[in-house]
Amino acid sequence: MPEPKSRRHGAELESAILDATWAELVETGYAKLTIEGVAARAGTSKPVIYRRWPGRAELVLAAWQRRVPNEGDLPDTGELRSDLLALMHRLVHRFDDTPRDILVGLMTETFRDPEVYGLLLRQIAASRQRPTLEILVRRAVERGEIPPVELTPRVAEVPLDLLRAESIFHHHDVGEQVITEIIDEVFLPLLRGLARG
């Protein structure tokens, strides 16, 4: 007789559910993803999932958002330029293992539903509050690599906004050359200008 599964709680359970959600999304696509399927894959129940996320869209967006690097995942190479390049590379390639039609389908479904679209916009706005680039710049200042600089939220968004614009408006994958140009031709000169100001 197989051993019963030990009960999972908190972060461990949430992680299992979000991993299962992403796996279901990749396997079935957004339109066919069900809470039942996620629950079965995660080894939990629908009520447990619904206690944390009110619906499928919220669950999928939570799984999506989880793939964005957090402070503990930030590169720390000892040099600002290489940290920035590594972070941008990570952001650009975080969905490489996901079939493109899955991402397109998810975004299409999101834009069709005003409530879900609003949730996505709130998630994007919340992610802008994460001090990701600020941390990399602060580390560089602490190392003495650059002079102290006030990095406003608007300035911190410049590289990420340029990445989004390149991807959305030019309809092509962002390559290493584009990443390098954003850092070398825009963001680092902007930081130097702010430091002199």
N, C-alpha and C. Protein backbone atom coordinates (compact mmCIF):
# COMPACT_ATOMS: atom_id res chain seq x y z
N MET A 1 0.84 -1.18 0.00
CA MET A 1 0.00 0.00 0.00
C MET A 1 0.89 1.24 0.00
N PRO A 2 0.67 2.22 -0.92
CA PRO A 2 1.55 3.37 -0.98
C PRO A 2 1.39 4.26 0.25
N GLU A 3 2.50 4.92 0.59
CA GLU A 3 2.47 5.86 1.71
C GLU A 3 1.59 7.05 1.36
N PRO A 4 0.74 7.50 2.29
CA PRO A 4 -0.07 8.69 2.00
C PRO A 4 0.84 9.91 1.88
N LYS A 5 0.44 10.85 1.01
CA LYS A 5 1.22 12.07 0.85
C LYS A 5 1.16 12.89 2.12
N SER A 6 2.31 13.45 2.52
CA SER A 6 2.28 14.33 3.68
C SER A 6 1.59 15.63 3.29
N ARG A 7 0.89 16.22 4.25
CA ARG A 7 0.15 17.45 3.97
C ARG A 7 1.15 18.60 3.81
N ARG A 8 0.96 19.36 2.76
CA ARG A 8 1.82 20.53 2.53
C ARG A 8 1.06 21.79 2.92
N HIS A 9 1.80 22.77 3.36
CA HIS A 9 1.17 24.02 3.78
C HIS A 9 1.99 25.19 3.26
N GLY A 10 1.40 26.37 3.36
CA GLY A 10 2.11 27.61 3.11
C GLY A 10 2.82 27.66 1.77
N ALA A 11 4.07 28.11 1.84
CA ALA A 11 4.85 28.35 0.62
C ALA A 11 5.07 27.07 -0.18
N GLU A 12 5.25 25.94 0.50
CA GLU A 12 5.48 24.67 -0.20
C GLU A 12 4.26 24.29 -1.05
N LEU A 13 3.08 24.42 -0.47
CA LEU A 13 1.85 24.09 -1.18
C LEU A 13 1.63 25.08 -2.33
N GLU A 14 1.81 26.37 -2.05
CA GLU A 14 1.62 27.38 -3.09
C GLU A 14 2.57 27.15 -4.25
N SER A 15 3.81 26.82 -3.95
CA SER A 15 4.79 26.55 -5.00
C SER A 15 4.37 25.35 -5.84
N ALA A 16 3.88 24.30 -5.20
CA ALA A 16 3.43 23.11 -5.94
C ALA A 16 2.25 23.46 -6.85
N ILE A 17 1.34 24.28 -6.37
CA ILE A 17 0.17 24.67 -7.17
C ILE A 17 0.60 25.51 -8.37
N LEU A 18 1.49 26.47 -8.15
CA LEU A 18 1.92 27.34 -9.25
C LEU A 18 2.76 26.57 -10.27
N ASP A 19 3.58 25.64 -9.80
CA ASP A 19 4.34 24.78 -10.73
C ASP A 19 3.37 23.94 -11.57
N ALA A 20 2.36 23.40 -10.92
CA ALA A 20 1.37 22.58 -11.62
C ALA A 20 0.59 23.43 -12.62
N THR A 21 0.28 24.66 -12.24
CA THR A 21 -0.44 25.57 -13.14
C THR A 21 0.37 25.82 -14.40
N TRP A 22 1.64 26.11 -14.24
CA TRP A 22 2.48 26.38 -15.41
C TRP A 22 2.61 25.14 -16.29
N ALA A 23 2.78 23.98 -15.65
CA ALA A 23 2.89 22.74 -16.42
C ALA A 23 1.60 22.46 -17.19
N GLU A 24 0.45 22.69 -16.56
CA GLU A 24 -0.84 22.51 -17.25
C GLU A 24 -0.98 23.50 -18.40
N LEU A 25 -0.55 24.73 -18.16
CA LEU A 25 -0.64 25.76 -19.20
C LEU A 25 0.17 25.36 -20.42
N VAL A 26 1.38 24.90 -20.19
CA VAL A 26 2.25 24.49 -21.30
C VAL A 26 1.65 23.28 -22.03
N GLU A 27 1.08 22.35 -21.27
CA GLU A 27 0.57 21.12 -21.87
C GLU A 27 -0.78 21.30 -22.57
N THR A 28 -1.68 22.10 -21.97
CA THR A 28 -3.04 22.17 -22.51
C THR A 28 -3.39 23.50 -23.14
N GLY A 29 -2.65 24.57 -22.80
CA GLY A 29 -3.01 25.91 -23.25
C GLY A 29 -3.97 26.56 -22.28
N TYR A 30 -4.07 27.88 -22.36
CA TYR A 30 -4.91 28.62 -21.41
C TYR A 30 -6.38 28.24 -21.56
N ALA A 31 -6.87 28.14 -22.78
CA ALA A 31 -8.30 27.91 -23.00
C ALA A 31 -8.76 26.58 -22.40
N LYS A 32 -7.89 25.56 -22.38
CA LYS A 32 -8.29 24.24 -21.88
C LYS A 32 -7.84 23.99 -20.45
N LEU A 33 -7.11 24.93 -19.86
CA LEU A 33 -6.65 24.74 -18.49
C LEU A 33 -7.84 24.78 -17.54
N THR A 34 -7.88 23.82 -16.61
CA THR A 34 -8.96 23.78 -15.62
C THR A 34 -8.36 23.74 -14.22
N ILE A 35 -9.13 24.22 -13.26
CA ILE A 35 -8.71 24.14 -11.86
C ILE A 35 -8.61 22.67 -11.44
N GLU A 36 -9.53 21.84 -11.97
CA GLU A 36 -9.47 20.40 -11.66
C GLU A 36 -8.14 19.80 -12.09
N GLY A 37 -7.71 20.15 -13.32
CA GLY A 37 -6.45 19.63 -13.83
C GLY A 37 -5.25 20.08 -13.00
N VAL A 38 -5.27 21.34 -12.60
CA VAL A 38 -4.18 21.87 -11.76
C VAL A 38 -4.18 21.16 -10.41
N ALA A 39 -5.37 21.01 -9.82
CA ALA A 39 -5.46 20.36 -8.51
C ALA A 39 -4.93 18.93 -8.57
N ALA A 40 -5.33 18.19 -9.62
CA ALA A 40 -4.86 16.81 -9.76
C ALA A 40 -3.35 16.76 -9.91
N ARG A 41 -2.81 17.65 -10.73
CA ARG A 41 -1.36 17.64 -10.96
C ARG A 41 -0.60 18.04 -9.69
N ALA A 42 -1.16 18.97 -8.92
CA ALA A 42 -0.49 19.44 -7.71
C ALA A 42 -0.73 18.52 -6.51
N GLY A 43 -1.65 17.55 -6.67
CA GLY A 43 -1.96 16.66 -5.55
C GLY A 43 -2.70 17.36 -4.44
N THR A 44 -3.63 18.26 -4.82
CA THR A 44 -4.41 18.98 -3.83
C THR A 44 -5.87 19.03 -4.30
N SER A 45 -6.67 19.90 -3.71
CA SER A 45 -8.09 19.96 -4.07
C SER A 45 -8.45 21.34 -4.63
N LYS A 46 -9.58 21.38 -5.33
CA LYS A 46 -10.06 22.66 -5.88
C LYS A 46 -10.31 23.69 -4.78
N PRO A 47 -10.96 23.32 -3.65
CA PRO A 47 -11.19 24.33 -2.61
C PRO A 47 -9.89 24.95 -2.08
N VAL A 48 -8.84 24.15 -2.00
CA VAL A 48 -7.55 24.68 -1.54
C VAL A 48 -7.04 25.75 -2.51
N ILE A 49 -7.19 25.50 -3.80
CA ILE A 49 -6.76 26.47 -4.80
C ILE A 49 -7.63 27.72 -4.74
N TYR A 50 -8.94 27.53 -4.67
CA TYR A 50 -9.86 28.67 -4.66
C TYR A 50 -9.71 29.53 -3.40
N ARG A 51 -9.17 28.96 -2.32
CA ARG A 51 -8.93 29.78 -1.13
C ARG A 51 -7.82 30.80 -1.38
N ARG A 52 -6.93 30.47 -2.32
CA ARG A 52 -5.81 31.37 -2.60
C ARG A 52 -6.03 32.26 -3.82
N TRP A 53 -6.71 31.70 -4.82
CA TRP A 53 -6.95 32.45 -6.07
C TRP A 53 -8.43 32.29 -6.43
N PRO A 54 -9.13 33.39 -6.68
CA PRO A 54 -10.57 33.30 -6.92
C PRO A 54 -10.96 32.68 -8.26
N GLY A 55 -10.03 32.62 -9.22
CA GLY A 55 -10.38 32.05 -10.52
C GLY A 55 -9.16 31.63 -11.31
N ARG A 56 -9.43 31.07 -12.46
CA ARG A 56 -8.37 30.55 -13.33
C ARG A 56 -7.39 31.64 -13.76
N ALA A 57 -7.92 32.79 -14.14
CA ALA A 57 -7.05 33.86 -14.63
C ALA A 57 -6.08 34.32 -13.56
N GLU A 58 -6.59 34.50 -12.33
CA GLU A 58 -5.72 34.94 -11.24
C GLU A 58 -4.63 33.91 -10.97
N LEU A 59 -5.01 32.64 -11.05
CA LEU A 59 -4.05 31.56 -10.81
C LEU A 59 -2.97 31.56 -11.89
N VAL A 60 -3.38 31.67 -13.14
CA VAL A 60 -2.42 31.66 -14.24
C VAL A 60 -1.51 32.88 -14.18
N LEU A 61 -2.08 34.04 -13.88
CA LEU A 61 -1.25 35.24 -13.80
C LEU A 61 -0.26 35.16 -12.63
N ALA A 62 -0.67 34.50 -11.54
CA ALA A 62 0.25 34.29 -10.42
C ALA A 62 1.40 33.39 -10.84
N ALA A 63 1.09 32.35 -11.61
CA ALA A 63 2.15 31.45 -12.10
C ALA A 63 3.07 32.19 -13.06
N TRP A 64 2.49 33.06 -13.88
CA TRP A 64 3.26 33.88 -14.82
C TRP A 64 4.19 34.82 -14.05
N GLN A 65 3.63 35.53 -13.08
CA GLN A 65 4.39 36.53 -12.32
C GLN A 65 5.53 35.89 -11.55
N ARG A 66 5.35 34.65 -11.16
CA ARG A 66 6.38 33.93 -10.39
C ARG A 66 7.67 33.75 -11.18
N ARG A 67 7.57 33.84 -12.50
CA ARG A 67 8.75 33.64 -13.33
C ARG A 67 9.59 34.92 -13.46
N VAL A 68 9.13 36.01 -12.88
CA VAL A 68 9.91 37.26 -12.89
C VAL A 68 10.93 37.19 -11.77
N PRO A 69 12.20 37.51 -12.03
CA PRO A 69 13.22 37.42 -10.98
C PRO A 69 12.89 38.30 -9.79
N ASN A 70 13.17 37.79 -8.59
CA ASN A 70 13.02 38.62 -7.39
C ASN A 70 14.40 38.97 -6.85
N GLU A 71 14.43 39.67 -5.73
CA GLU A 71 15.71 40.18 -5.22
C GLU A 71 16.72 39.07 -4.99
N GLY A 72 16.25 37.93 -4.47
CA GLY A 72 17.18 36.83 -4.21
C GLY A 72 17.75 36.22 -5.47
N ASP A 73 17.09 36.42 -6.61
CA ASP A 73 17.56 35.85 -7.88
C ASP A 73 18.43 36.82 -8.67
N LEU A 74 18.64 38.02 -8.16
CA LEU A 74 19.36 39.02 -8.95
C LEU A 74 20.81 38.62 -9.15
N PRO A 75 21.34 38.90 -10.35
CA PRO A 75 22.76 38.59 -10.59
C PRO A 75 23.65 39.46 -9.72
N ASP A 76 24.80 38.92 -9.34
CA ASP A 76 25.77 39.68 -8.55
C ASP A 76 27.16 39.29 -9.04
N THR A 77 27.54 39.87 -10.16
CA THR A 77 28.81 39.52 -10.80
C THR A 77 29.97 40.37 -10.29
N GLY A 78 29.65 41.41 -9.52
CA GLY A 78 30.70 42.32 -9.05
C GLY A 78 30.90 43.51 -9.96
N GLU A 79 30.10 43.60 -11.02
CA GLU A 79 30.23 44.73 -11.96
C GLU A 79 28.86 45.09 -12.49
N LEU A 80 28.53 46.39 -12.45
CA LEU A 80 27.18 46.84 -12.77
C LEU A 80 26.77 46.45 -14.18
N ARG A 81 27.62 46.70 -15.16
CA ARG A 81 27.24 46.43 -16.55
C ARG A 81 26.89 44.96 -16.74
N SER A 82 27.73 44.06 -16.22
CA SER A 82 27.45 42.64 -16.41
C SER A 82 26.23 42.20 -15.60
N ASP A 83 25.99 42.82 -14.43
CA ASP A 83 24.76 42.54 -13.68
C ASP A 83 23.53 42.92 -14.50
N LEU A 84 23.57 44.12 -15.08
CA LEU A 84 22.43 44.60 -15.88
C LEU A 84 22.19 43.72 -17.10
N LEU A 85 23.28 43.36 -17.79
CA LEU A 85 23.14 42.50 -18.97
C LEU A 85 22.55 41.14 -18.58
N ALA A 86 23.04 40.59 -17.46
CA ALA A 86 22.56 39.28 -17.01
C ALA A 86 21.08 39.34 -16.64
N LEU A 87 20.67 40.42 -15.95
CA LEU A 87 19.26 40.57 -15.58
C LEU A 87 18.37 40.69 -16.81
N MET A 88 18.78 41.53 -17.75
CA MET A 88 17.98 41.73 -18.96
C MET A 88 17.89 40.43 -19.76
N HIS A 89 19.00 39.71 -19.85
CA HIS A 89 19.00 38.42 -20.56
C HIS A 89 18.00 37.47 -19.90
N ARG A 90 18.02 37.44 -18.58
CA ARG A 90 17.12 36.56 -17.84
C ARG A 90 15.66 36.93 -18.10
N LEU A 91 15.37 38.23 -18.09
CA LEU A 91 14.00 38.68 -18.32
C LEU A 91 13.53 38.33 -19.74
N VAL A 92 14.41 38.51 -20.70
CA VAL A 92 14.05 38.24 -22.10
C VAL A 92 13.81 36.74 -22.32
N HIS A 93 14.59 35.90 -21.65
CA HIS A 93 14.56 34.47 -21.95
C HIS A 93 13.78 33.64 -20.93
N ARG A 94 13.06 34.28 -20.01
CA ARG A 94 12.40 33.49 -18.96
C ARG A 94 11.27 32.62 -19.48
N PHE A 95 10.77 32.89 -20.68
CA PHE A 95 9.69 32.07 -21.23
C PHE A 95 10.16 31.23 -22.42
N ASP A 96 11.47 31.06 -22.57
CA ASP A 96 11.99 30.31 -23.71
C ASP A 96 11.50 28.86 -23.74
N ASP A 97 11.24 28.29 -22.57
CA ASP A 97 10.80 26.89 -22.53
C ASP A 97 9.29 26.75 -22.73
N THR A 98 8.64 27.87 -23.01
CA THR A 98 7.19 27.87 -23.19
C THR A 98 6.85 28.07 -24.65
N PRO A 99 6.05 27.20 -25.24
CA PRO A 99 5.66 27.39 -26.65
C PRO A 99 5.02 28.76 -26.87
N ARG A 100 5.39 29.40 -27.95
CA ARG A 100 4.92 30.76 -28.24
C ARG A 100 3.38 30.82 -28.30
N ASP A 101 2.75 29.77 -28.83
CA ASP A 101 1.29 29.83 -28.94
C ASP A 101 0.62 29.85 -27.57
N ILE A 102 1.29 29.31 -26.56
CA ILE A 102 0.74 29.36 -25.21
C ILE A 102 0.72 30.81 -24.74
N LEU A 103 1.84 31.52 -24.93
CA LEU A 103 1.90 32.91 -24.51
C LEU A 103 0.90 33.76 -25.28
N VAL A 104 0.82 33.54 -26.58
CA VAL A 104 -0.12 34.30 -27.40
C VAL A 104 -1.55 34.02 -26.95
N GLY A 105 -1.87 32.75 -26.72
CA GLY A 105 -3.21 32.39 -26.27
C GLY A 105 -3.55 33.00 -24.93
N LEU A 106 -2.60 32.97 -24.01
CA LEU A 106 -2.84 33.56 -22.70
C LEU A 106 -3.10 35.05 -22.82
N MET A 107 -2.28 35.74 -23.59
CA MET A 107 -2.45 37.18 -23.74
C MET A 107 -3.77 37.50 -24.46
N THR A 108 -4.11 36.71 -25.47
CA THR A 108 -5.37 36.94 -26.20
C THR A 108 -6.56 36.81 -25.26
N GLU A 109 -6.58 35.72 -24.47
CA GLU A 109 -7.67 35.52 -23.53
C GLU A 109 -7.72 36.63 -22.49
N THR A 110 -6.54 37.07 -22.07
CA THR A 110 -6.47 38.13 -21.07
C THR A 110 -7.09 39.41 -21.60
N PHE A 111 -6.77 39.78 -22.85
CA PHE A 111 -7.28 41.03 -23.41
C PHE A 111 -8.78 40.95 -23.70
N ARG A 112 -9.32 39.75 -23.89
CA ARG A 112 -10.75 39.59 -24.17
C ARG A 112 -11.61 39.85 -22.95
N ASP A 113 -11.05 39.59 -21.77
CA ASP A 113 -11.82 39.70 -20.53
C ASP A 113 -11.38 40.96 -19.78
N PRO A 114 -12.23 42.00 -19.72
CA PRO A 114 -11.84 43.26 -19.09
C PRO A 114 -11.40 43.10 -17.64
N GLU A 115 -12.03 42.17 -16.91
CA GLU A 115 -11.67 41.96 -15.52
C GLU A 115 -10.26 41.39 -15.40
N VAL A 116 -9.97 40.41 -16.25
CA VAL A 116 -8.65 39.79 -16.22
C VAL A 116 -7.60 40.77 -16.72
N TYR A 117 -7.96 41.55 -17.74
CA TYR A 117 -7.03 42.56 -18.26
C TYR A 117 -6.69 43.57 -17.16
N GLY A 118 -7.69 43.96 -16.39
CA GLY A 118 -7.45 44.87 -15.28
C GLY A 118 -6.51 44.26 -14.26
N LEU A 119 -6.69 42.97 -13.99
CA LEU A 119 -5.81 42.27 -13.05
C LEU A 119 -4.38 42.26 -13.58
N LEU A 120 -4.23 41.99 -14.88
CA LEU A 120 -2.89 41.98 -15.48
C LEU A 120 -2.24 43.35 -15.33
N LEU A 121 -2.99 44.42 -15.60
CA LEU A 121 -2.44 45.77 -15.48
C LEU A 121 -2.03 46.06 -14.04
N ARG A 122 -2.83 45.59 -13.08
CA ARG A 122 -2.47 45.79 -11.67
C ARG A 122 -1.20 45.03 -11.32
N GLN A 123 -1.05 43.83 -11.88
CA GLN A 123 0.17 43.05 -11.63
C GLN A 123 1.38 43.75 -12.22
N ILE A 124 1.24 44.29 -13.43
CA ILE A 124 2.35 45.00 -14.06
C ILE A 124 2.71 46.22 -13.22
N ALA A 125 1.69 46.95 -12.78
CA ALA A 125 1.94 48.14 -11.96
C ALA A 125 2.64 47.75 -10.66
N ALA A 126 2.20 46.66 -10.04
CA ALA A 126 2.83 46.21 -8.79
C ALA A 126 4.26 45.79 -9.03
N SER A 127 4.53 45.14 -10.16
CA SER A 127 5.90 44.69 -10.44
C SER A 127 6.83 45.87 -10.65
N ARG A 128 6.27 47.01 -11.08
CA ARG A 128 7.10 48.20 -11.26
C ARG A 128 7.59 48.74 -9.92
N GLN A 129 6.94 48.35 -8.85
CA GLN A 129 7.37 48.82 -7.55
C GLN A 129 8.54 47.99 -7.01
N ARG A 130 8.84 46.88 -7.64
CA ARG A 130 9.95 46.06 -7.17
C ARG A 130 11.26 46.77 -7.46
N PRO A 131 12.10 46.92 -6.44
CA PRO A 131 13.32 47.72 -6.64
C PRO A 131 14.45 46.92 -7.28
N THR A 132 14.16 46.23 -8.38
CA THR A 132 15.14 45.34 -8.99
C THR A 132 16.39 46.08 -9.47
N LEU A 133 16.22 47.02 -10.38
CA LEU A 133 17.38 47.75 -10.89
C LEU A 133 17.98 48.65 -9.82
N GLU A 134 17.13 49.16 -8.93
CA GLU A 134 17.63 49.99 -7.85
C GLU A 134 18.65 49.23 -7.00
N ILE A 135 18.38 47.95 -6.77
CA ILE A 135 19.29 47.12 -5.97
C ILE A 135 20.62 46.96 -6.68
N LEU A 136 20.59 46.70 -7.99
CA LEU A 136 21.84 46.55 -8.74
C LEU A 136 22.65 47.85 -8.72
N VAL A 137 21.96 48.97 -8.89
CA VAL A 137 22.65 50.27 -8.87
C VAL A 137 23.20 50.56 -7.48
N ARG A 138 22.40 50.28 -6.45
CA ARG A 138 22.86 50.52 -5.07
C ARG A 138 24.11 49.70 -4.77
N ARG A 139 24.13 48.45 -5.21
CA ARG A 139 25.33 47.62 -5.00
C ARG A 139 26.55 48.24 -5.68
N ALA A 140 26.35 48.76 -6.90
CA ALA A 140 27.46 49.38 -7.63
C ALA A 140 27.97 50.62 -6.89
N VAL A 141 27.05 51.39 -6.32
CA VAL A 141 27.46 52.57 -5.53
C VAL A 141 28.24 52.12 -4.30
N GLU A 142 27.76 51.09 -3.62
CA GLU A 142 28.44 50.59 -2.41
C GLU A 142 29.83 50.06 -2.72
N ARG A 143 30.02 49.51 -3.93
CA ARG A 143 31.35 49.02 -4.34
C ARG A 143 32.26 50.17 -4.76
N GLY A 144 31.70 51.37 -4.91
CA GLY A 144 32.48 52.50 -5.38
C GLY A 144 32.65 52.52 -6.89
N GLU A 145 31.85 51.71 -7.55
CA GLU A 145 31.96 51.60 -9.01
C GLU A 145 31.38 52.82 -9.71
N ILE A 146 30.31 53.38 -9.14
CA ILE A 146 29.71 54.60 -9.68
C ILE A 146 29.41 55.55 -8.52
N PRO A 147 29.34 56.86 -8.80
CA PRO A 147 28.98 57.79 -7.73
C PRO A 147 27.51 57.60 -7.33
N PRO A 148 27.15 58.09 -6.14
CA PRO A 148 25.74 57.99 -5.72
C PRO A 148 24.83 58.64 -6.76
N VAL A 149 23.71 57.99 -7.02
CA VAL A 149 22.77 58.48 -8.01
C VAL A 149 21.35 58.21 -7.50
N GLU A 150 20.47 59.18 -7.68
CA GLU A 150 19.07 58.98 -7.29
C GLU A 150 18.35 58.33 -8.46
N LEU A 151 17.93 57.10 -8.24
CA LEU A 151 17.26 56.34 -9.29
C LEU A 151 15.76 56.38 -9.04
N THR A 152 15.08 57.26 -9.76
CA THR A 152 13.62 57.37 -9.59
C THR A 152 12.95 56.15 -10.22
N PRO A 153 11.71 55.86 -9.83
CA PRO A 153 11.00 54.74 -10.45
C PRO A 153 10.91 54.87 -11.97
N ARG A 154 10.73 56.07 -12.47
CA ARG A 154 10.64 56.28 -13.93
C ARG A 154 11.96 55.90 -14.60
N VAL A 155 13.07 56.32 -14.04
CA VAL A 155 14.38 56.00 -14.63
C VAL A 155 14.63 54.49 -14.56
N ALA A 156 14.25 53.88 -13.43
CA ALA A 156 14.47 52.44 -13.28
C ALA A 156 13.67 51.63 -14.28
N GLU A 157 12.58 52.19 -14.79
CA GLU A 157 11.76 51.48 -15.76
C GLU A 157 12.27 51.59 -17.19
N VAL A 158 13.20 52.50 -17.44
CA VAL A 158 13.63 52.75 -18.82
C VAL A 158 14.09 51.47 -19.54
N PRO A 159 15.01 50.68 -18.99
CA PRO A 159 15.45 49.48 -19.73
C PRO A 159 14.32 48.49 -19.97
N LEU A 160 13.46 48.31 -18.96
CA LEU A 160 12.37 47.34 -19.11
C LEU A 160 11.33 47.83 -20.11
N ASP A 161 11.05 49.14 -20.09
CA ASP A 161 10.11 49.69 -21.07
C ASP A 161 10.65 49.56 -22.49
N LEU A 162 11.95 49.76 -22.65
CA LEU A 162 12.55 49.60 -23.98
C LEU A 162 12.49 48.15 -24.45
N LEU A 163 12.68 47.22 -23.53
CA LEU A 163 12.55 45.80 -23.87
C LEU A 163 11.13 45.49 -24.32
N ARG A 164 10.14 45.97 -23.55
CA ARG A 164 8.74 45.72 -23.90
C ARG A 164 8.41 46.32 -25.26
N ALA A 165 8.86 47.55 -25.48
CA ALA A 165 8.56 48.22 -26.75
C ALA A 165 9.18 47.46 -27.91
N GLU A 166 10.40 47.00 -27.74
CA GLU A 166 11.08 46.25 -28.80
C GLU A 166 10.30 44.99 -29.15
N SER A 167 9.83 44.32 -28.12
CA SER A 167 9.12 43.06 -28.33
C SER A 167 7.71 43.28 -28.89
N ILE A 168 6.98 44.25 -28.33
CA ILE A 168 5.57 44.43 -28.70
C ILE A 168 5.42 45.18 -30.02
N PHE A 169 6.13 46.28 -30.17
CA PHE A 169 5.90 47.15 -31.32
C PHE A 169 6.69 46.74 -32.56
N HIS A 170 7.81 46.03 -32.35
CA HIS A 170 8.61 45.62 -33.51
C HIS A 170 8.39 44.16 -33.86
N HIS A 171 7.61 43.45 -33.03
CA HIS A 171 7.17 42.07 -33.33
C HIS A 171 8.32 41.13 -33.66
N HIS A 172 9.39 41.21 -32.90
CA HIS A 172 10.46 40.22 -33.08
C HIS A 172 11.12 39.93 -31.74
N ASP A 173 11.84 38.81 -31.69
CA ASP A 173 12.53 38.45 -30.46
C ASP A 173 13.63 39.46 -30.18
N VAL A 174 13.84 39.71 -28.91
CA VAL A 174 14.90 40.64 -28.50
C VAL A 174 16.20 39.86 -28.40
N GLY A 175 17.17 40.23 -29.24
CA GLY A 175 18.46 39.55 -29.24
C GLY A 175 19.46 40.20 -28.32
N GLU A 176 20.62 39.56 -28.21
CA GLU A 176 21.66 40.05 -27.32
C GLU A 176 22.15 41.44 -27.72
N GLN A 177 22.17 41.73 -29.03
CA GLN A 177 22.63 43.04 -29.47
C GLN A 177 21.70 44.14 -28.96
N VAL A 178 20.40 43.90 -29.01
CA VAL A 178 19.44 44.89 -28.52
C VAL A 178 19.62 45.10 -27.02
N ILE A 179 19.78 44.01 -26.27
CA ILE A 179 19.99 44.12 -24.82
C ILE A 179 21.23 44.96 -24.53
N THR A 180 22.32 44.66 -25.24
CA THR A 180 23.57 45.39 -25.04
C THR A 180 23.41 46.86 -25.39
N GLU A 181 22.70 47.16 -26.48
CA GLU A 181 22.48 48.56 -26.86
C GLU A 181 21.66 49.30 -25.81
N ILE A 182 20.65 48.66 -25.26
CA ILE A 182 19.82 49.31 -24.24
C ILE A 182 20.67 49.67 -23.03
N ILE A 183 21.53 48.76 -22.62
CA ILE A 183 22.37 49.01 -21.44
C ILE A 183 23.49 50.01 -21.76
N ASP A 184 24.22 49.79 -22.86
CA ASP A 184 25.41 50.61 -23.16
C ASP A 184 25.08 51.98 -23.73
N GLU A 185 24.01 52.05 -24.53
CA GLU A 185 23.73 53.30 -25.22
C GLU A 185 22.67 54.14 -24.53
N VAL A 186 21.91 53.53 -23.62
CA VAL A 186 20.83 54.28 -22.97
C VAL A 186 20.99 54.32 -21.46
N PHE A 187 20.97 53.14 -20.81
CA PHE A 187 20.84 53.15 -19.35
C PHE A 187 22.12 53.59 -18.64
N LEU A 188 23.27 53.05 -19.02
CA LEU A 188 24.50 53.46 -18.34
C LEU A 188 24.82 54.94 -18.59
N PRO A 189 24.67 55.46 -19.83
CA PRO A 189 24.86 56.91 -20.01
C PRO A 189 23.87 57.73 -19.19
N LEU A 190 22.63 57.24 -19.06
CA LEU A 190 21.63 57.94 -18.27
C LEU A 190 22.07 57.99 -16.79
N LEU A 191 22.58 56.89 -16.28
CA LEU A 191 23.06 56.88 -14.89
C LEU A 191 24.23 57.85 -14.70
N ARG A 192 25.16 57.86 -15.67
CA ARG A 192 26.30 58.78 -15.56
C ARG A 192 25.82 60.23 -15.58
N GLY A 193 24.85 60.53 -16.41
CA GLY A 193 24.30 61.89 -16.46
C GLY A 193 23.62 62.27 -15.16
N LEU A 194 22.89 61.36 -14.56
CA LEU A 194 22.21 61.64 -13.30
C LEU A 194 23.21 61.85 -12.17
N ALA A 195 24.31 61.07 -12.19
CA ALA A 195 25.33 61.18 -11.16
C ALA A 195 26.04 62.55 -11.21
N ARG A 196 26.15 63.09 -12.43
CA ARG A 196 26.81 64.41 -12.58
C ARG A 196 25.88 65.54 -12.24
N GLY A 197 24.52 65.27 -12.30
CA GLY A 197 23.54 66.34 -12.15
C GLY A 197 23.51 66.97 -10.77
